[in-house]
Amino acid sequence: MLPGILLTIMAKKNSRGKLFFLTMIISMFIGITVYWCFIPLSIIVKTEAGIVLSVPTHPSDTLSLRFTHSVHKTPVWENFIVVSVDQLTLTSTEYQSYGVGMPSLPSEGVFTQLGDRFMLTNLNRSFSQIPVRVGPEAKLSLFHGGEEYPLHEWFEPGTLVFVTINYDYTGFIFSKFNTVK
C-alpha cells in the first residue's frame, strides 16, 4: 500500500512540474510576442562601422534628405515616406535651380513650379536603403519629425552612409533614440 501512495504522490508532483514548465514556456512565448509587437520601426543611419543614428518612426511618417547640388550650389530636398522594414518610397524632389542633373521629364513625375522652387511629385520610387556619400560642399542632412540631423558634421568627406528602415532592438531597450556623433 505504501508504494502505491508514493507513486500517486510522485505522479502528482511530476504532473505539477510538467504543468509549471508548460506554463513558463507559454508565458515566455506570449511575452516575447508582445515585446516584438511593440518594437517601433527606426530610421537607421549606418556606415560600414555600424549604426550611427537610430530615430523611432512609424509607417507613413516622412523623412527628407537635404543637400546642396554640386553644380548649381542650391538646396535639393528628396522627400520619402516610411513604408515598412527595408522600404522607403521617394515621393517628391524639390529644388531651386532648373538645369543639369535635375529631373523634369513628364515620364519622371508631375513637374510644377512654386515661386522660386521646382517640384517633381508622384515619383513613387521604392528603395530598400538609400546609399549616399558625404561631401564637404553638399552639407547632407536628414530631417524627420521636425529635427535636423547634420550628417555632414558627423562624417569625414567621402564616407558612404546608408539610410534604411528597420527595427532597432537596442534603441528600444536602452533609450528613445541613440546618436553617436
N, C-alpha and C. Protein backbone atom coordinates (compact mmCIF):
# COMPACT_ATOMS: atom_id res chain seq x y z
N MET A 1 0.81 -1.18 0.00
CA MET A 1 0.00 0.00 0.00
C MET A 1 0.86 1.27 0.00
N LEU A 2 1.94 1.26 0.77
CA LEU A 2 2.82 2.40 0.84
C LEU A 2 3.43 2.72 -0.53
N PRO A 3 3.91 1.72 -1.30
CA PRO A 3 4.45 2.06 -2.63
C PRO A 3 3.39 2.67 -3.53
N GLY A 4 2.14 2.29 -3.47
CA GLY A 4 1.07 2.86 -4.29
C GLY A 4 0.84 4.32 -3.95
N ILE A 5 0.87 4.64 -2.64
CA ILE A 5 0.68 6.03 -2.21
C ILE A 5 1.87 6.88 -2.68
N LEU A 6 3.09 6.35 -2.55
CA LEU A 6 4.27 7.09 -3.00
C LEU A 6 4.23 7.34 -4.51
N LEU A 7 3.80 6.33 -5.26
CA LEU A 7 3.69 6.51 -6.72
C LEU A 7 2.66 7.58 -7.06
N THR A 8 1.53 7.62 -6.35
CA THR A 8 0.49 8.62 -6.58
C THR A 8 1.03 10.02 -6.27
N ILE A 9 1.74 10.16 -5.13
CA ILE A 9 2.31 11.46 -4.75
C ILE A 9 3.36 11.89 -5.77
N MET A 10 4.21 10.97 -6.19
CA MET A 10 5.25 11.29 -7.18
C MET A 10 4.62 11.67 -8.52
N ALA A 11 3.55 11.00 -8.91
CA ALA A 11 2.87 11.32 -10.17
C ALA A 11 2.29 12.72 -10.11
N LYS A 12 1.68 13.09 -8.95
CA LYS A 12 1.11 14.43 -8.82
C LYS A 12 2.21 15.49 -8.86
N LYS A 13 3.35 15.23 -8.18
CA LYS A 13 4.46 16.18 -8.22
C LYS A 13 5.01 16.30 -9.63
N ASN A 14 5.15 15.19 -10.31
CA ASN A 14 5.65 15.19 -11.68
C ASN A 14 4.69 15.94 -12.59
N SER A 15 3.40 15.76 -12.40
CA SER A 15 2.38 16.44 -13.19
C SER A 15 2.44 17.95 -12.93
N ARG A 16 2.62 18.34 -11.66
CA ARG A 16 2.74 19.76 -11.33
C ARG A 16 3.99 20.36 -11.96
N GLY A 17 5.07 19.62 -11.98
CA GLY A 17 6.32 20.08 -12.61
C GLY A 17 6.15 20.30 -14.10
N LYS A 18 5.46 19.35 -14.74
CA LYS A 18 5.20 19.49 -16.18
C LYS A 18 4.29 20.68 -16.44
N LEU A 19 3.27 20.87 -15.62
CA LEU A 19 2.34 21.99 -15.77
C LEU A 19 3.08 23.31 -15.57
N PHE A 20 3.93 23.37 -14.53
CA PHE A 20 4.71 24.57 -14.28
C PHE A 20 5.62 24.87 -15.47
N PHE A 21 6.32 23.86 -15.97
CA PHE A 21 7.22 24.03 -17.11
C PHE A 21 6.45 24.50 -18.35
N LEU A 22 5.31 23.90 -18.62
CA LEU A 22 4.48 24.28 -19.76
C LEU A 22 3.98 25.72 -19.61
N THR A 23 3.57 26.08 -18.40
CA THR A 23 3.11 27.45 -18.14
C THR A 23 4.23 28.45 -18.36
N MET A 24 5.43 28.13 -17.93
CA MET A 24 6.58 29.03 -18.13
C MET A 24 6.89 29.20 -19.61
N ILE A 25 6.87 28.13 -20.37
CA ILE A 25 7.14 28.19 -21.82
C ILE A 25 6.10 29.05 -22.51
N ILE A 26 4.82 28.84 -22.21
CA ILE A 26 3.75 29.62 -22.83
C ILE A 26 3.87 31.09 -22.44
N SER A 27 4.16 31.38 -21.19
CA SER A 27 4.32 32.76 -20.72
C SER A 27 5.48 33.45 -21.43
N MET A 28 6.59 32.75 -21.59
CA MET A 28 7.73 33.33 -22.30
C MET A 28 7.37 33.61 -23.76
N PHE A 29 6.67 32.70 -24.40
CA PHE A 29 6.25 32.89 -25.79
C PHE A 29 5.34 34.11 -25.91
N ILE A 30 4.37 34.25 -25.03
CA ILE A 30 3.46 35.40 -25.05
C ILE A 30 4.24 36.70 -24.79
N GLY A 31 5.16 36.66 -23.83
CA GLY A 31 5.98 37.84 -23.52
C GLY A 31 6.83 38.28 -24.69
N ILE A 32 7.48 37.35 -25.33
CA ILE A 32 8.31 37.67 -26.50
C ILE A 32 7.46 38.21 -27.63
N THR A 33 6.30 37.63 -27.86
CA THR A 33 5.40 38.10 -28.93
C THR A 33 4.93 39.52 -28.65
N VAL A 34 4.52 39.81 -27.43
CA VAL A 34 4.06 41.17 -27.08
C VAL A 34 5.22 42.15 -27.22
N TYR A 35 6.39 41.79 -26.72
CA TYR A 35 7.58 42.64 -26.83
C TYR A 35 7.87 42.94 -28.30
N TRP A 36 7.85 41.92 -29.13
CA TRP A 36 8.14 42.05 -30.56
C TRP A 36 7.15 43.00 -31.24
N CYS A 37 5.88 42.93 -30.86
CA CYS A 37 4.85 43.77 -31.47
C CYS A 37 5.01 45.25 -31.14
N PHE A 38 5.64 45.56 -30.02
CA PHE A 38 5.75 46.95 -29.61
C PHE A 38 7.10 47.58 -29.93
N ILE A 39 7.98 46.86 -30.60
CA ILE A 39 9.25 47.46 -31.02
C ILE A 39 8.96 48.36 -32.22
N PRO A 40 9.24 49.65 -32.08
CA PRO A 40 8.93 50.54 -33.20
C PRO A 40 9.95 50.41 -34.33
N LEU A 41 9.52 50.84 -35.50
CA LEU A 41 10.47 50.96 -36.60
C LEU A 41 11.41 52.11 -36.29
N SER A 42 12.57 52.08 -36.89
CA SER A 42 13.53 53.16 -36.72
C SER A 42 14.15 53.52 -38.06
N ILE A 43 14.45 54.80 -38.20
CA ILE A 43 15.28 55.24 -39.31
C ILE A 43 16.71 54.96 -38.84
N ILE A 44 17.40 54.13 -39.57
CA ILE A 44 18.75 53.73 -39.20
C ILE A 44 19.73 54.39 -40.18
N VAL A 45 20.70 55.10 -39.64
CA VAL A 45 21.78 55.65 -40.44
C VAL A 45 23.02 54.89 -40.01
N LYS A 46 23.65 54.23 -40.98
CA LYS A 46 24.82 53.42 -40.64
C LYS A 46 25.91 53.58 -41.68
N THR A 47 27.10 53.24 -41.24
CA THR A 47 28.26 53.18 -42.12
C THR A 47 28.76 51.74 -42.08
N GLU A 48 29.87 51.49 -42.72
CA GLU A 48 30.44 50.14 -42.65
C GLU A 48 30.84 49.79 -41.22
N ALA A 49 31.08 50.80 -40.38
CA ALA A 49 31.47 50.57 -39.00
C ALA A 49 30.29 50.23 -38.09
N GLY A 50 29.07 50.50 -38.53
CA GLY A 50 27.90 50.18 -37.73
C GLY A 50 26.88 51.30 -37.68
N ILE A 51 25.89 51.14 -36.81
CA ILE A 51 24.80 52.11 -36.68
C ILE A 51 25.30 53.37 -35.98
N VAL A 52 24.98 54.51 -36.57
CA VAL A 52 25.40 55.78 -36.02
C VAL A 52 24.20 56.55 -35.48
N LEU A 53 23.05 56.37 -36.09
CA LEU A 53 21.85 57.09 -35.67
C LEU A 53 20.65 56.16 -35.79
N SER A 54 19.79 56.20 -34.78
CA SER A 54 18.55 55.44 -34.80
C SER A 54 17.45 56.34 -34.27
N VAL A 55 16.47 56.63 -35.12
CA VAL A 55 15.38 57.52 -34.75
C VAL A 55 14.06 56.77 -34.91
N PRO A 56 13.27 56.65 -33.85
CA PRO A 56 11.98 55.96 -33.96
C PRO A 56 11.09 56.60 -35.02
N THR A 57 10.35 55.78 -35.73
CA THR A 57 9.45 56.25 -36.77
C THR A 57 8.28 55.29 -36.88
N HIS A 58 7.36 55.60 -37.74
CA HIS A 58 6.18 54.76 -37.96
C HIS A 58 5.87 54.73 -39.45
N PRO A 59 5.18 53.69 -39.90
CA PRO A 59 4.75 53.69 -41.31
C PRO A 59 3.94 54.95 -41.60
N SER A 60 4.15 55.52 -42.75
CA SER A 60 3.54 56.74 -43.28
C SER A 60 4.20 58.02 -42.76
N ASP A 61 5.20 57.91 -41.86
CA ASP A 61 5.98 59.10 -41.49
C ASP A 61 6.81 59.51 -42.69
N THR A 62 7.23 60.77 -42.69
CA THR A 62 8.07 61.26 -43.78
C THR A 62 9.47 61.56 -43.27
N LEU A 63 10.41 61.50 -44.17
CA LEU A 63 11.77 61.94 -43.89
C LEU A 63 12.30 62.58 -45.15
N SER A 64 13.24 63.47 -44.98
CA SER A 64 13.83 64.17 -46.12
C SER A 64 15.34 64.16 -46.02
N LEU A 65 15.97 64.05 -47.16
CA LEU A 65 17.41 64.23 -47.27
C LEU A 65 17.60 65.57 -47.97
N ARG A 66 18.40 66.43 -47.36
CA ARG A 66 18.68 67.73 -47.96
C ARG A 66 20.16 67.81 -48.24
N PHE A 67 20.50 68.31 -49.42
CA PHE A 67 21.89 68.51 -49.78
C PHE A 67 21.99 69.68 -50.74
N THR A 68 23.19 70.16 -50.93
CA THR A 68 23.44 71.24 -51.87
C THR A 68 23.92 70.63 -53.18
N HIS A 69 23.25 71.01 -54.27
CA HIS A 69 23.60 70.48 -55.59
C HIS A 69 25.03 70.90 -55.95
N SER A 70 25.79 69.95 -56.47
CA SER A 70 27.21 70.19 -56.73
C SER A 70 27.48 71.21 -57.84
N VAL A 71 26.58 71.32 -58.81
CA VAL A 71 26.79 72.25 -59.91
C VAL A 71 26.12 73.59 -59.64
N HIS A 72 24.84 73.54 -59.24
CA HIS A 72 24.06 74.77 -59.08
C HIS A 72 24.27 75.46 -57.74
N LYS A 73 24.82 74.72 -56.76
CA LYS A 73 25.07 75.24 -55.41
C LYS A 73 23.78 75.74 -54.75
N THR A 74 22.67 75.08 -55.04
CA THR A 74 21.38 75.40 -54.44
C THR A 74 20.84 74.17 -53.72
N PRO A 75 19.93 74.36 -52.74
CA PRO A 75 19.43 73.22 -51.97
C PRO A 75 18.52 72.30 -52.78
N VAL A 76 18.64 71.01 -52.45
CA VAL A 76 17.78 69.98 -53.04
C VAL A 76 17.19 69.18 -51.89
N TRP A 77 15.89 68.93 -51.96
CA TRP A 77 15.20 68.12 -50.96
C TRP A 77 14.66 66.88 -51.64
N GLU A 78 14.99 65.72 -51.10
CA GLU A 78 14.39 64.47 -51.56
C GLU A 78 13.51 63.97 -50.43
N ASN A 79 12.22 63.82 -50.71
CA ASN A 79 11.23 63.51 -49.68
C ASN A 79 10.75 62.07 -49.81
N PHE A 80 10.77 61.35 -48.68
CA PHE A 80 10.43 59.93 -48.64
C PHE A 80 9.31 59.68 -47.65
N ILE A 81 8.59 58.59 -47.87
CA ILE A 81 7.61 58.08 -46.92
C ILE A 81 8.12 56.74 -46.41
N VAL A 82 8.02 56.54 -45.09
CA VAL A 82 8.37 55.27 -44.48
C VAL A 82 7.24 54.29 -44.77
N VAL A 83 7.56 53.15 -45.36
CA VAL A 83 6.53 52.16 -45.68
C VAL A 83 6.59 51.02 -44.67
N SER A 84 7.73 50.37 -44.57
CA SER A 84 7.90 49.25 -43.63
C SER A 84 9.38 48.94 -43.54
N VAL A 85 9.70 47.82 -42.92
CA VAL A 85 11.10 47.40 -42.82
C VAL A 85 11.71 47.32 -44.22
N ASP A 86 12.88 47.94 -44.37
CA ASP A 86 13.61 47.96 -45.64
C ASP A 86 12.80 48.52 -46.80
N GLN A 87 11.87 49.44 -46.52
CA GLN A 87 11.12 50.02 -47.63
C GLN A 87 10.80 51.50 -47.37
N LEU A 88 11.43 52.33 -48.19
CA LEU A 88 11.19 53.76 -48.25
C LEU A 88 10.69 54.08 -49.65
N THR A 89 9.80 55.04 -49.76
CA THR A 89 9.31 55.43 -51.07
C THR A 89 9.62 56.91 -51.31
N LEU A 90 10.37 57.19 -52.37
CA LEU A 90 10.64 58.57 -52.77
C LEU A 90 9.36 59.12 -53.37
N THR A 91 8.84 60.20 -52.78
CA THR A 91 7.57 60.77 -53.25
C THR A 91 7.76 62.05 -54.05
N SER A 92 8.78 62.84 -53.70
CA SER A 92 8.99 64.10 -54.42
C SER A 92 10.41 64.59 -54.26
N THR A 93 10.77 65.48 -55.16
CA THR A 93 12.06 66.17 -55.12
C THR A 93 11.77 67.65 -55.31
N GLU A 94 12.42 68.47 -54.49
CA GLU A 94 12.27 69.92 -54.60
C GLU A 94 13.65 70.53 -54.81
N TYR A 95 13.72 71.55 -55.68
CA TYR A 95 15.00 72.20 -55.93
C TYR A 95 14.76 73.60 -56.45
N GLN A 96 15.82 74.42 -56.43
CA GLN A 96 15.68 75.82 -56.84
C GLN A 96 16.27 76.12 -58.20
N SER A 97 17.18 75.32 -58.67
CA SER A 97 17.80 75.59 -59.97
C SER A 97 17.40 74.53 -60.97
N TYR A 98 16.81 74.96 -62.02
CA TYR A 98 16.40 74.08 -63.10
C TYR A 98 17.58 73.95 -64.05
N GLY A 99 18.00 72.73 -64.30
CA GLY A 99 19.10 72.57 -65.24
C GLY A 99 19.76 71.21 -65.12
N VAL A 100 21.05 71.19 -65.38
CA VAL A 100 21.84 69.96 -65.46
C VAL A 100 21.65 69.09 -64.22
N GLY A 101 21.31 67.82 -64.46
CA GLY A 101 21.22 66.86 -63.38
C GLY A 101 19.94 66.90 -62.57
N MET A 102 19.03 67.77 -62.93
CA MET A 102 17.79 67.88 -62.17
C MET A 102 16.64 67.25 -62.97
N PRO A 103 15.84 66.40 -62.34
CA PRO A 103 14.75 65.73 -63.05
C PRO A 103 13.64 66.71 -63.42
N SER A 104 13.05 66.49 -64.59
CA SER A 104 11.95 67.37 -65.01
C SER A 104 11.08 66.76 -66.10
N LEU A 105 11.41 65.57 -66.57
CA LEU A 105 10.66 64.96 -67.66
C LEU A 105 9.29 64.48 -67.18
N PRO A 106 8.27 64.57 -68.02
CA PRO A 106 6.94 64.09 -67.64
C PRO A 106 6.93 62.61 -67.25
N SER A 107 7.82 61.83 -67.83
CA SER A 107 7.87 60.40 -67.50
C SER A 107 8.41 60.16 -66.08
N GLU A 108 9.03 61.16 -65.48
CA GLU A 108 9.61 61.02 -64.15
C GLU A 108 8.62 61.36 -63.03
N GLY A 109 7.57 62.09 -63.34
CA GLY A 109 6.60 62.50 -62.33
C GLY A 109 5.87 63.75 -62.79
N VAL A 110 5.19 64.42 -61.86
CA VAL A 110 4.46 65.65 -62.18
C VAL A 110 5.37 66.83 -61.84
N PHE A 111 5.71 67.62 -62.85
CA PHE A 111 6.62 68.74 -62.69
C PHE A 111 5.82 70.02 -62.51
N THR A 112 6.12 70.76 -61.42
CA THR A 112 5.45 72.04 -61.17
C THR A 112 6.46 73.05 -60.67
N GLN A 113 6.10 74.32 -60.80
CA GLN A 113 6.93 75.39 -60.26
C GLN A 113 6.10 76.16 -59.25
N LEU A 114 6.65 76.33 -58.05
CA LEU A 114 6.01 77.10 -56.99
C LEU A 114 6.95 78.21 -56.57
N GLY A 115 6.71 79.41 -57.06
CA GLY A 115 7.60 80.53 -56.75
C GLY A 115 8.98 80.27 -57.30
N ASP A 116 9.98 80.28 -56.41
CA ASP A 116 11.36 80.06 -56.86
C ASP A 116 11.77 78.59 -56.75
N ARG A 117 10.80 77.70 -56.51
CA ARG A 117 11.11 76.27 -56.36
C ARG A 117 10.46 75.46 -57.48
N PHE A 118 11.18 74.41 -57.86
CA PHE A 118 10.66 73.43 -58.80
C PHE A 118 10.37 72.17 -58.01
N MET A 119 9.27 71.51 -58.33
CA MET A 119 8.92 70.26 -57.63
C MET A 119 8.59 69.18 -58.64
N LEU A 120 9.06 68.00 -58.34
CA LEU A 120 8.70 66.82 -59.10
C LEU A 120 8.00 65.89 -58.11
N THR A 121 6.71 65.67 -58.30
CA THR A 121 5.92 64.88 -57.37
C THR A 121 5.41 63.61 -58.03
N ASN A 122 4.72 62.77 -57.24
CA ASN A 122 4.17 61.49 -57.72
C ASN A 122 5.26 60.57 -58.26
N LEU A 123 6.40 60.56 -57.60
CA LEU A 123 7.51 59.73 -58.06
C LEU A 123 7.29 58.25 -57.75
N ASN A 124 6.88 57.93 -56.54
CA ASN A 124 6.55 56.56 -56.15
C ASN A 124 7.66 55.56 -56.48
N ARG A 125 8.88 55.89 -56.06
CA ARG A 125 10.03 55.00 -56.29
C ARG A 125 10.43 54.36 -54.97
N SER A 126 10.44 53.04 -54.92
CA SER A 126 10.74 52.31 -53.69
C SER A 126 12.22 51.98 -53.58
N PHE A 127 12.73 52.07 -52.35
CA PHE A 127 14.12 51.75 -52.06
C PHE A 127 14.19 50.92 -50.79
N SER A 128 15.10 49.97 -50.75
CA SER A 128 15.32 49.22 -49.51
C SER A 128 16.30 49.98 -48.61
N GLN A 129 17.17 50.76 -49.22
CA GLN A 129 18.08 51.63 -48.49
C GLN A 129 18.53 52.75 -49.41
N ILE A 130 18.97 53.85 -48.81
CA ILE A 130 19.45 54.99 -49.58
C ILE A 130 20.95 55.12 -49.29
N PRO A 131 21.81 54.77 -50.24
CA PRO A 131 23.24 54.97 -50.03
C PRO A 131 23.63 56.38 -50.50
N VAL A 132 24.32 57.12 -49.66
CA VAL A 132 24.77 58.47 -50.01
C VAL A 132 26.20 58.67 -49.51
N ARG A 133 26.94 59.47 -50.23
CA ARG A 133 28.29 59.82 -49.79
C ARG A 133 28.26 61.25 -49.24
N VAL A 134 28.96 61.43 -48.17
CA VAL A 134 29.04 62.74 -47.54
C VAL A 134 30.13 63.53 -48.25
N GLY A 135 29.76 64.73 -48.73
CA GLY A 135 30.72 65.59 -49.40
C GLY A 135 30.86 66.89 -48.63
N PRO A 136 32.01 67.52 -48.73
CA PRO A 136 32.25 68.74 -47.96
C PRO A 136 31.33 69.90 -48.36
N GLU A 137 30.95 69.97 -49.62
CA GLU A 137 30.11 71.08 -50.07
C GLU A 137 28.63 70.72 -50.11
N ALA A 138 28.31 69.44 -50.08
CA ALA A 138 26.91 69.01 -50.20
C ALA A 138 26.10 69.30 -48.93
N LYS A 139 26.74 69.32 -47.77
CA LYS A 139 26.05 69.59 -46.50
C LYS A 139 24.82 68.70 -46.32
N LEU A 140 25.04 67.40 -46.45
CA LEU A 140 23.98 66.41 -46.34
C LEU A 140 23.38 66.39 -44.94
N SER A 141 22.04 66.49 -44.87
CA SER A 141 21.32 66.41 -43.60
C SER A 141 20.08 65.55 -43.77
N LEU A 142 19.68 64.93 -42.68
CA LEU A 142 18.45 64.14 -42.62
C LEU A 142 17.46 64.91 -41.77
N PHE A 143 16.22 65.00 -42.23
CA PHE A 143 15.16 65.68 -41.49
C PHE A 143 14.04 64.69 -41.21
N HIS A 144 13.60 64.69 -39.95
CA HIS A 144 12.48 63.81 -39.56
C HIS A 144 11.85 64.34 -38.28
N GLY A 145 10.54 64.42 -38.27
CA GLY A 145 9.83 64.84 -37.07
C GLY A 145 10.24 66.20 -36.55
N GLY A 146 10.54 67.12 -37.44
CA GLY A 146 10.92 68.46 -37.03
C GLY A 146 12.36 68.59 -36.56
N GLU A 147 13.13 67.52 -36.64
CA GLU A 147 14.53 67.53 -36.22
C GLU A 147 15.46 67.43 -37.43
N GLU A 148 16.58 68.12 -37.33
CA GLU A 148 17.62 68.02 -38.35
C GLU A 148 18.79 67.23 -37.79
N TYR A 149 19.29 66.30 -38.58
CA TYR A 149 20.46 65.50 -38.23
C TYR A 149 21.54 65.80 -39.26
N PRO A 150 22.49 66.68 -38.92
CA PRO A 150 23.51 67.14 -39.88
C PRO A 150 24.60 66.09 -40.13
N LEU A 151 24.31 65.18 -41.02
CA LEU A 151 25.25 64.09 -41.30
C LEU A 151 26.60 64.62 -41.76
N HIS A 152 26.60 65.76 -42.45
CA HIS A 152 27.85 66.34 -42.95
C HIS A 152 28.79 66.77 -41.83
N GLU A 153 28.25 66.98 -40.63
CA GLU A 153 29.09 67.35 -39.49
C GLU A 153 29.61 66.12 -38.75
N TRP A 154 29.01 64.98 -38.96
CA TRP A 154 29.35 63.77 -38.21
C TRP A 154 30.36 62.88 -38.92
N PHE A 155 30.49 63.04 -40.24
CA PHE A 155 31.33 62.12 -41.01
C PHE A 155 32.38 62.87 -41.81
N GLU A 156 33.45 62.17 -42.09
CA GLU A 156 34.52 62.69 -42.95
C GLU A 156 34.01 62.73 -44.39
N PRO A 157 34.49 63.69 -45.20
CA PRO A 157 34.12 63.71 -46.62
C PRO A 157 34.43 62.38 -47.29
N GLY A 158 33.51 61.93 -48.11
CA GLY A 158 33.69 60.67 -48.83
C GLY A 158 33.12 59.46 -48.13
N THR A 159 32.67 59.61 -46.88
CA THR A 159 32.12 58.48 -46.14
C THR A 159 30.81 58.01 -46.78
N LEU A 160 30.70 56.71 -46.98
CA LEU A 160 29.48 56.12 -47.52
C LEU A 160 28.53 55.85 -46.36
N VAL A 161 27.34 56.44 -46.45
CA VAL A 161 26.33 56.33 -45.40
C VAL A 161 25.09 55.66 -46.00
N PHE A 162 24.46 54.78 -45.23
CA PHE A 162 23.24 54.11 -45.66
C PHE A 162 22.09 54.53 -44.75
N VAL A 163 20.99 54.92 -45.37
CA VAL A 163 19.77 55.24 -44.62
C VAL A 163 18.78 54.14 -44.93
N THR A 164 18.24 53.51 -43.90
CA THR A 164 17.31 52.41 -44.09
C THR A 164 16.27 52.42 -42.97
N ILE A 165 15.25 51.60 -43.12
CA ILE A 165 14.21 51.44 -42.10
C ILE A 165 14.30 50.02 -41.57
N ASN A 166 14.37 49.90 -40.25
CA ASN A 166 14.44 48.58 -39.65
C ASN A 166 14.03 48.69 -38.19
N TYR A 167 14.00 47.56 -37.50
CA TYR A 167 13.77 47.57 -36.07
C TYR A 167 15.12 47.79 -35.40
N ASP A 168 15.17 48.65 -34.42
CA ASP A 168 16.40 48.83 -33.65
C ASP A 168 16.14 48.33 -32.24
N TYR A 169 16.44 47.06 -32.04
CA TYR A 169 16.16 46.42 -30.76
C TYR A 169 16.91 47.07 -29.61
N THR A 170 18.17 47.45 -29.83
CA THR A 170 18.94 48.07 -28.75
C THR A 170 18.40 49.45 -28.44
N GLY A 171 17.97 50.20 -29.44
CA GLY A 171 17.40 51.52 -29.21
C GLY A 171 16.12 51.44 -28.42
N PHE A 172 15.32 50.41 -28.67
CA PHE A 172 14.06 50.23 -27.95
C PHE A 172 14.33 49.86 -26.49
N ILE A 173 15.34 49.06 -26.27
CA ILE A 173 15.63 48.60 -24.92
C ILE A 173 16.28 49.71 -24.09
N PHE A 174 17.24 50.44 -24.67
CA PHE A 174 18.05 51.34 -23.87
C PHE A 174 17.62 52.81 -23.89
N SER A 175 16.99 53.29 -24.94
CA SER A 175 16.61 54.70 -24.95
C SER A 175 15.66 54.98 -26.09
N LYS A 176 15.11 56.21 -26.09
CA LYS A 176 14.20 56.61 -27.15
C LYS A 176 14.91 56.63 -28.49
N PHE A 177 16.07 57.28 -28.56
CA PHE A 177 16.91 57.17 -29.75
C PHE A 177 18.36 57.34 -29.35
N ASN A 178 19.20 56.77 -30.16
CA ASN A 178 20.64 56.81 -29.90
C ASN A 178 21.32 57.60 -30.99
N THR A 179 22.22 58.45 -30.61
CA THR A 179 23.04 59.11 -31.61
C THR A 179 24.49 59.03 -31.16
N VAL A 180 25.34 58.82 -32.12
CA VAL A 180 26.77 58.83 -31.86
C VAL A 180 27.34 59.85 -32.82
N LYS A 181 27.93 60.88 -32.29
CA LYS A 181 28.45 61.95 -33.15
C LYS A 181 29.95 61.93 -33.15
